[in-house]
N, C-alpha and C. Protein backbone atom coordinates (compact mmCIF):
# COMPACT_ATOMS: atom_id res chain seq x y z
N UNK A 1 0.84 -1.18 0.00
CA UNK A 1 0.00 0.00 0.00
C UNK A 1 0.89 1.25 0.00
N UNK A 2 0.55 2.20 -0.84
CA UNK A 2 1.29 3.45 -0.93
C UNK A 2 0.32 4.60 -0.70
N UNK A 3 0.63 5.45 0.23
CA UNK A 3 -0.15 6.66 0.45
C UNK A 3 0.62 7.85 -0.11
N UNK A 4 -0.08 8.68 -0.87
CA UNK A 4 0.54 9.82 -1.51
C UNK A 4 -0.14 11.10 -1.04
N UNK A 5 0.65 12.10 -0.72
CA UNK A 5 0.11 13.37 -0.26
C UNK A 5 0.75 14.50 -1.06
N UNK A 6 -0.09 15.22 -1.80
CA UNK A 6 0.40 16.35 -2.59
C UNK A 6 0.35 17.63 -1.76
N UNK A 7 1.23 18.55 -2.10
CA UNK A 7 1.23 19.87 -1.49
C UNK A 7 1.88 20.85 -2.45
N UNK A 8 1.75 22.13 -2.14
CA UNK A 8 2.42 23.14 -2.95
C UNK A 8 1.52 23.90 -3.91
N UNK A 9 0.27 23.48 -3.99
CA UNK A 9 -0.63 24.22 -4.86
C UNK A 9 -0.95 25.59 -4.29
N UNK A 10 -1.62 26.39 -5.09
CA UNK A 10 -1.98 27.72 -4.63
C UNK A 10 -2.44 28.60 -5.76
N UNK A 11 -2.43 29.90 -5.47
CA UNK A 11 -2.88 30.91 -6.42
C UNK A 11 -1.66 31.67 -6.92
N UNK A 12 -1.56 31.81 -8.25
CA UNK A 12 -0.42 32.49 -8.85
C UNK A 12 -0.88 33.25 -10.08
N UNK A 13 -0.19 34.31 -10.40
CA UNK A 13 -0.52 35.07 -11.59
C UNK A 13 0.12 34.46 -12.83
N UNK A 14 -0.41 34.78 -13.99
CA UNK A 14 0.14 34.31 -15.26
C UNK A 14 1.63 34.61 -15.32
N UNK A 15 2.40 33.59 -15.73
CA UNK A 15 3.84 33.73 -15.82
C UNK A 15 4.57 33.32 -14.56
N UNK A 16 3.83 33.07 -13.49
CA UNK A 16 4.43 32.69 -12.22
C UNK A 16 4.83 31.22 -12.18
N UNK A 17 5.34 30.81 -11.02
CA UNK A 17 5.83 29.45 -10.83
C UNK A 17 5.27 28.85 -9.55
N UNK A 18 5.15 27.55 -9.56
CA UNK A 18 4.80 26.78 -8.37
C UNK A 18 5.58 25.48 -8.40
N UNK A 19 5.86 24.96 -7.20
CA UNK A 19 6.52 23.66 -7.10
C UNK A 19 5.63 22.74 -6.29
N UNK A 20 5.09 21.73 -6.96
CA UNK A 20 4.25 20.75 -6.29
C UNK A 20 5.11 19.62 -5.75
N UNK A 21 4.72 19.13 -4.59
CA UNK A 21 5.41 18.00 -3.98
C UNK A 21 4.44 16.84 -3.81
N UNK A 22 4.97 15.65 -3.89
CA UNK A 22 4.20 14.43 -3.67
C UNK A 22 5.00 13.55 -2.74
N UNK A 23 4.56 13.45 -1.50
CA UNK A 23 5.26 12.65 -0.49
C UNK A 23 4.60 11.28 -0.38
N UNK A 24 5.42 10.24 -0.41
CA UNK A 24 4.91 8.87 -0.36
C UNK A 24 5.23 8.23 0.99
N UNK A 25 4.35 7.33 1.41
CA UNK A 25 4.50 6.70 2.72
C UNK A 25 5.33 5.43 2.65
N UNK A 26 5.35 4.77 1.51
CA UNK A 26 5.91 3.42 1.44
C UNK A 26 7.43 3.43 1.36
N UNK A 27 8.02 2.48 2.08
CA UNK A 27 9.48 2.33 1.98
C UNK A 27 9.88 1.78 0.62
N UNK A 28 8.90 1.18 -0.09
CA UNK A 28 9.16 0.63 -1.42
C UNK A 28 8.91 1.66 -2.51
N UNK A 29 8.84 2.92 -2.14
CA UNK A 29 8.52 3.97 -3.10
C UNK A 29 9.45 3.93 -4.30
N UNK A 30 10.69 3.58 -4.08
CA UNK A 30 11.67 3.57 -5.17
C UNK A 30 11.35 2.53 -6.24
N UNK A 31 10.40 1.65 -5.97
CA UNK A 31 10.00 0.64 -6.94
C UNK A 31 8.93 1.13 -7.89
N UNK A 32 8.39 2.33 -7.61
CA UNK A 32 7.24 2.82 -8.35
C UNK A 32 7.62 3.95 -9.29
N UNK A 33 7.02 3.92 -10.49
CA UNK A 33 7.02 5.11 -11.31
C UNK A 33 5.98 6.07 -10.75
N UNK A 34 6.15 7.36 -11.02
CA UNK A 34 5.22 8.36 -10.51
C UNK A 34 4.76 9.26 -11.65
N UNK A 35 3.49 9.54 -11.65
CA UNK A 35 2.93 10.43 -12.65
C UNK A 35 2.21 11.59 -12.01
N UNK A 36 2.17 12.70 -12.72
CA UNK A 36 1.35 13.85 -12.34
C UNK A 36 0.23 13.99 -13.38
N UNK A 37 -0.97 14.19 -12.89
CA UNK A 37 -2.13 14.39 -13.72
C UNK A 37 -2.86 15.63 -13.23
N UNK A 38 -3.77 16.13 -14.04
CA UNK A 38 -4.56 17.27 -13.60
C UNK A 38 -5.99 17.13 -14.13
N UNK A 39 -6.89 17.78 -13.41
CA UNK A 39 -8.29 17.76 -13.82
C UNK A 39 -8.90 19.12 -13.56
N UNK A 40 -9.36 19.74 -14.64
CA UNK A 40 -10.05 21.01 -14.55
C UNK A 40 -11.54 20.75 -14.44
N UNK A 41 -12.31 21.73 -13.96
CA UNK A 41 -13.75 21.54 -13.82
C UNK A 41 -14.39 21.11 -15.15
N UNK A 42 -15.22 20.09 -15.08
CA UNK A 42 -15.98 19.57 -16.21
C UNK A 42 -15.09 19.01 -17.32
N UNK A 43 -13.86 18.68 -16.99
CA UNK A 43 -12.95 18.06 -17.95
C UNK A 43 -12.43 16.74 -17.41
N UNK A 44 -11.97 15.90 -18.30
CA UNK A 44 -11.41 14.62 -17.88
C UNK A 44 -10.00 14.83 -17.30
N UNK A 45 -9.62 13.89 -16.46
CA UNK A 45 -8.27 13.92 -15.90
C UNK A 45 -7.28 13.69 -17.04
N UNK A 46 -6.22 14.51 -17.08
CA UNK A 46 -5.26 14.40 -18.18
C UNK A 46 -3.83 14.26 -17.66
N UNK A 47 -3.05 13.60 -18.44
CA UNK A 47 -1.65 13.37 -18.13
C UNK A 47 -0.85 14.66 -18.20
N UNK A 48 0.09 14.83 -17.25
CA UNK A 48 0.98 15.98 -17.26
C UNK A 48 2.43 15.54 -17.45
N UNK A 49 2.89 14.64 -16.58
CA UNK A 49 4.28 14.20 -16.64
C UNK A 49 4.43 12.91 -15.86
N UNK A 50 5.48 12.16 -16.18
CA UNK A 50 5.76 10.94 -15.44
C UNK A 50 7.26 10.70 -15.37
N UNK A 51 7.68 9.99 -14.33
CA UNK A 51 9.10 9.72 -14.11
C UNK A 51 9.25 8.27 -13.67
N UNK A 52 10.28 7.63 -14.19
CA UNK A 52 10.51 6.22 -13.87
C UNK A 52 11.01 6.07 -12.44
N UNK A 53 11.08 4.82 -11.98
CA UNK A 53 11.41 4.56 -10.58
C UNK A 53 12.77 5.13 -10.19
N UNK A 54 13.73 5.09 -11.09
CA UNK A 54 15.06 5.58 -10.78
C UNK A 54 15.28 7.03 -11.21
N UNK A 55 14.29 7.61 -11.86
CA UNK A 55 14.42 8.99 -12.31
C UNK A 55 15.11 9.14 -13.64
N UNK A 56 15.49 8.02 -14.27
CA UNK A 56 16.26 8.12 -15.50
C UNK A 56 15.43 8.44 -16.72
N UNK A 57 14.12 8.22 -16.64
CA UNK A 57 13.25 8.48 -17.77
C UNK A 57 12.11 9.39 -17.35
N UNK A 58 11.90 10.42 -18.15
CA UNK A 58 10.79 11.34 -17.89
C UNK A 58 10.04 11.60 -19.19
N UNK A 59 8.75 11.81 -19.05
CA UNK A 59 7.91 12.07 -20.22
C UNK A 59 6.91 13.17 -19.84
N UNK A 60 6.56 13.98 -20.83
CA UNK A 60 5.68 15.11 -20.59
C UNK A 60 4.59 15.17 -21.64
N UNK A 61 3.48 15.75 -21.25
CA UNK A 61 2.41 16.03 -22.20
C UNK A 61 2.88 17.15 -23.14
N UNK A 62 2.33 17.17 -24.33
CA UNK A 62 2.74 18.18 -25.31
C UNK A 62 2.51 19.60 -24.81
N UNK A 63 1.43 19.79 -24.06
CA UNK A 63 1.11 21.15 -23.64
C UNK A 63 2.12 21.71 -22.63
N UNK A 64 2.92 20.83 -22.05
CA UNK A 64 3.93 21.30 -21.08
C UNK A 64 4.93 22.22 -21.76
N UNK A 65 5.38 21.83 -22.95
CA UNK A 65 6.19 22.71 -23.79
C UNK A 65 7.41 23.26 -23.03
N UNK A 66 8.09 22.37 -22.32
CA UNK A 66 9.33 22.70 -21.60
C UNK A 66 9.11 23.66 -20.43
N UNK A 67 7.89 23.82 -19.96
CA UNK A 67 7.63 24.72 -18.83
C UNK A 67 7.72 24.00 -17.49
N UNK A 68 7.51 22.69 -17.46
CA UNK A 68 7.48 21.92 -16.22
C UNK A 68 8.66 20.95 -16.18
N UNK A 69 9.07 20.64 -14.95
CA UNK A 69 10.12 19.64 -14.75
C UNK A 69 9.68 18.69 -13.63
N UNK A 70 9.69 17.40 -13.93
CA UNK A 70 9.39 16.39 -12.92
C UNK A 70 10.70 15.81 -12.40
N UNK A 71 10.77 15.59 -11.10
CA UNK A 71 11.99 15.04 -10.49
C UNK A 71 11.59 14.24 -9.26
N UNK A 72 12.54 13.49 -8.72
CA UNK A 72 12.25 12.68 -7.54
C UNK A 72 13.52 12.46 -6.75
N UNK A 73 13.33 12.20 -5.47
CA UNK A 73 14.42 11.81 -4.58
C UNK A 73 13.92 10.61 -3.78
N UNK A 74 14.38 9.44 -4.13
CA UNK A 74 13.88 8.23 -3.48
C UNK A 74 14.27 8.16 -2.00
N UNK A 75 15.38 8.77 -1.65
CA UNK A 75 15.78 8.79 -0.24
C UNK A 75 14.78 9.56 0.61
N UNK A 76 14.10 10.51 -0.01
CA UNK A 76 13.07 11.30 0.68
C UNK A 76 11.66 10.85 0.33
N UNK A 77 11.54 9.83 -0.50
CA UNK A 77 10.23 9.33 -0.93
C UNK A 77 9.35 10.46 -1.45
N UNK A 78 9.93 11.33 -2.23
CA UNK A 78 9.22 12.52 -2.69
C UNK A 78 9.46 12.75 -4.17
N UNK A 79 8.40 13.18 -4.83
CA UNK A 79 8.47 13.59 -6.23
C UNK A 79 8.00 15.03 -6.32
N UNK A 80 8.60 15.78 -7.24
CA UNK A 80 8.23 17.18 -7.41
C UNK A 80 7.82 17.45 -8.85
N UNK A 81 6.99 18.47 -8.99
CA UNK A 81 6.66 18.99 -10.30
C UNK A 81 6.89 20.50 -10.24
N UNK A 82 7.97 20.94 -10.84
CA UNK A 82 8.27 22.36 -10.93
C UNK A 82 7.55 22.93 -12.14
N UNK A 83 6.69 23.91 -11.89
CA UNK A 83 5.89 24.48 -12.97
C UNK A 83 6.24 25.95 -13.14
N UNK A 84 6.70 26.30 -14.31
CA UNK A 84 7.10 27.66 -14.63
C UNK A 84 6.23 28.21 -15.75
N UNK A 85 6.26 29.52 -15.92
CA UNK A 85 5.51 30.18 -17.00
C UNK A 85 4.06 29.72 -17.02
N UNK A 86 3.44 29.72 -15.88
CA UNK A 86 2.08 29.21 -15.76
C UNK A 86 1.08 30.07 -16.51
N UNK A 87 0.07 29.41 -17.04
CA UNK A 87 -0.98 30.05 -17.83
C UNK A 87 -2.33 29.80 -17.17
N UNK A 88 -3.32 30.62 -17.45
CA UNK A 88 -4.66 30.36 -16.87
C UNK A 88 -5.19 28.97 -17.21
N UNK A 89 -4.85 28.46 -18.36
CA UNK A 89 -5.33 27.12 -18.73
C UNK A 89 -4.67 26.00 -17.94
N UNK A 90 -3.67 26.32 -17.15
CA UNK A 90 -3.06 25.34 -16.26
C UNK A 90 -3.87 25.18 -14.96
N UNK A 91 -4.88 26.00 -14.78
CA UNK A 91 -5.71 25.91 -13.59
C UNK A 91 -6.41 24.56 -13.52
N UNK A 92 -6.21 23.85 -12.42
CA UNK A 92 -6.78 22.51 -12.26
C UNK A 92 -6.40 21.98 -10.88
N UNK A 93 -6.99 20.85 -10.53
CA UNK A 93 -6.51 20.08 -9.39
C UNK A 93 -5.44 19.14 -9.93
N UNK A 94 -4.28 19.16 -9.28
CA UNK A 94 -3.16 18.33 -9.71
C UNK A 94 -3.02 17.14 -8.77
N UNK A 95 -2.89 15.97 -9.36
CA UNK A 95 -2.78 14.72 -8.62
C UNK A 95 -1.45 14.03 -8.94
N UNK A 96 -0.87 13.41 -7.94
CA UNK A 96 0.23 12.49 -8.23
C UNK A 96 -0.28 11.07 -8.05
N UNK A 97 0.36 10.16 -8.75
CA UNK A 97 -0.06 8.75 -8.74
C UNK A 97 1.17 7.87 -8.87
N UNK A 98 1.07 6.66 -8.36
CA UNK A 98 2.18 5.71 -8.39
C UNK A 98 1.78 4.47 -9.17
N UNK A 99 2.72 3.98 -9.95
CA UNK A 99 2.50 2.80 -10.78
C UNK A 99 3.63 1.83 -10.52
N UNK A 100 3.27 0.55 -10.31
CA UNK A 100 4.27 -0.44 -9.91
C UNK A 100 5.19 -0.82 -11.06
N UNK A 101 4.69 -0.77 -12.26
CA UNK A 101 5.49 -1.21 -13.39
C UNK A 101 5.70 -0.09 -14.41
N UNK A 102 6.93 0.39 -14.47
CA UNK A 102 7.27 1.34 -15.51
C UNK A 102 6.62 2.69 -15.35
N UNK A 103 6.24 3.28 -16.45
CA UNK A 103 5.57 4.57 -16.47
C UNK A 103 4.40 4.48 -17.45
N UNK A 104 3.50 5.42 -17.37
CA UNK A 104 2.35 5.41 -18.27
C UNK A 104 1.76 6.80 -18.36
N UNK A 105 1.13 7.08 -19.50
CA UNK A 105 0.36 8.31 -19.67
C UNK A 105 -1.11 8.10 -19.35
N UNK A 106 -1.50 6.86 -19.10
CA UNK A 106 -2.90 6.51 -18.87
C UNK A 106 -3.22 6.48 -17.39
N UNK A 107 -4.12 7.29 -16.92
CA UNK A 107 -4.44 7.30 -15.49
C UNK A 107 -4.98 5.97 -14.99
N UNK A 108 -5.66 5.22 -15.84
CA UNK A 108 -6.23 3.95 -15.42
C UNK A 108 -5.20 2.89 -15.08
N UNK A 109 -3.96 3.11 -15.45
CA UNK A 109 -2.92 2.12 -15.20
C UNK A 109 -2.19 2.37 -13.88
N UNK A 110 -2.51 3.43 -13.19
CA UNK A 110 -1.84 3.75 -11.94
C UNK A 110 -2.53 3.05 -10.77
N UNK A 111 -1.71 2.68 -9.80
CA UNK A 111 -2.19 1.86 -8.69
C UNK A 111 -2.64 2.68 -7.48
N UNK A 112 -2.01 3.82 -7.26
CA UNK A 112 -2.31 4.63 -6.08
C UNK A 112 -2.38 6.10 -6.47
N UNK A 113 -3.24 6.83 -5.75
CA UNK A 113 -3.46 8.24 -6.05
C UNK A 113 -3.45 9.07 -4.77
N UNK A 114 -2.99 10.31 -4.91
CA UNK A 114 -3.13 11.26 -3.83
C UNK A 114 -4.48 11.95 -3.90
N UNK A 115 -4.69 12.87 -2.97
CA UNK A 115 -5.98 13.54 -2.87
C UNK A 115 -6.06 14.78 -3.75
N UNK A 116 -4.95 15.25 -4.26
CA UNK A 116 -4.92 16.39 -5.16
C UNK A 116 -4.62 17.70 -4.47
N UNK A 117 -4.09 18.64 -5.24
CA UNK A 117 -3.82 19.99 -4.75
C UNK A 117 -4.25 20.98 -5.83
N UNK A 118 -4.93 22.03 -5.41
CA UNK A 118 -5.49 22.99 -6.35
C UNK A 118 -4.44 23.99 -6.81
N UNK A 119 -4.38 24.19 -8.12
CA UNK A 119 -3.54 25.23 -8.72
C UNK A 119 -4.46 26.18 -9.48
N UNK A 120 -4.37 27.45 -9.15
CA UNK A 120 -5.18 28.47 -9.81
C UNK A 120 -4.26 29.54 -10.37
N UNK A 121 -4.38 29.79 -11.67
CA UNK A 121 -3.55 30.78 -12.34
C UNK A 121 -4.46 31.90 -12.84
N UNK A 122 -4.22 33.10 -12.37
CA UNK A 122 -5.06 34.23 -12.77
C UNK A 122 -4.48 34.91 -14.00
N UNK A 123 -5.38 35.47 -14.79
CA UNK A 123 -4.94 36.16 -16.02
C UNK A 123 -4.64 37.63 -15.74
């Protein structure tokens, strides 16, 4: 069982930055790939970024366009999503999730989810 807790969301103006954190409870966290997803009101949950268990592989959604960076520190059981040059369309609840095998862009393939953290970007 893996418990995930996101933090770092908030309110920011267009062009600003936020750093989201995802803290995991399991000592086996290093065995899991981690993904970040987001869901805006009345929209489906969408993939943002994912990182492999060792951090050697990262993948991003096209809309990220080099604005976000996903990273992890297994010694701290924590994954981060650094978000720069934020836009109003980035407004959503951001979730982190853990997957036991590899990485994926599909939310349905993830095994554990956090409760989410709200990000609001004003124009």
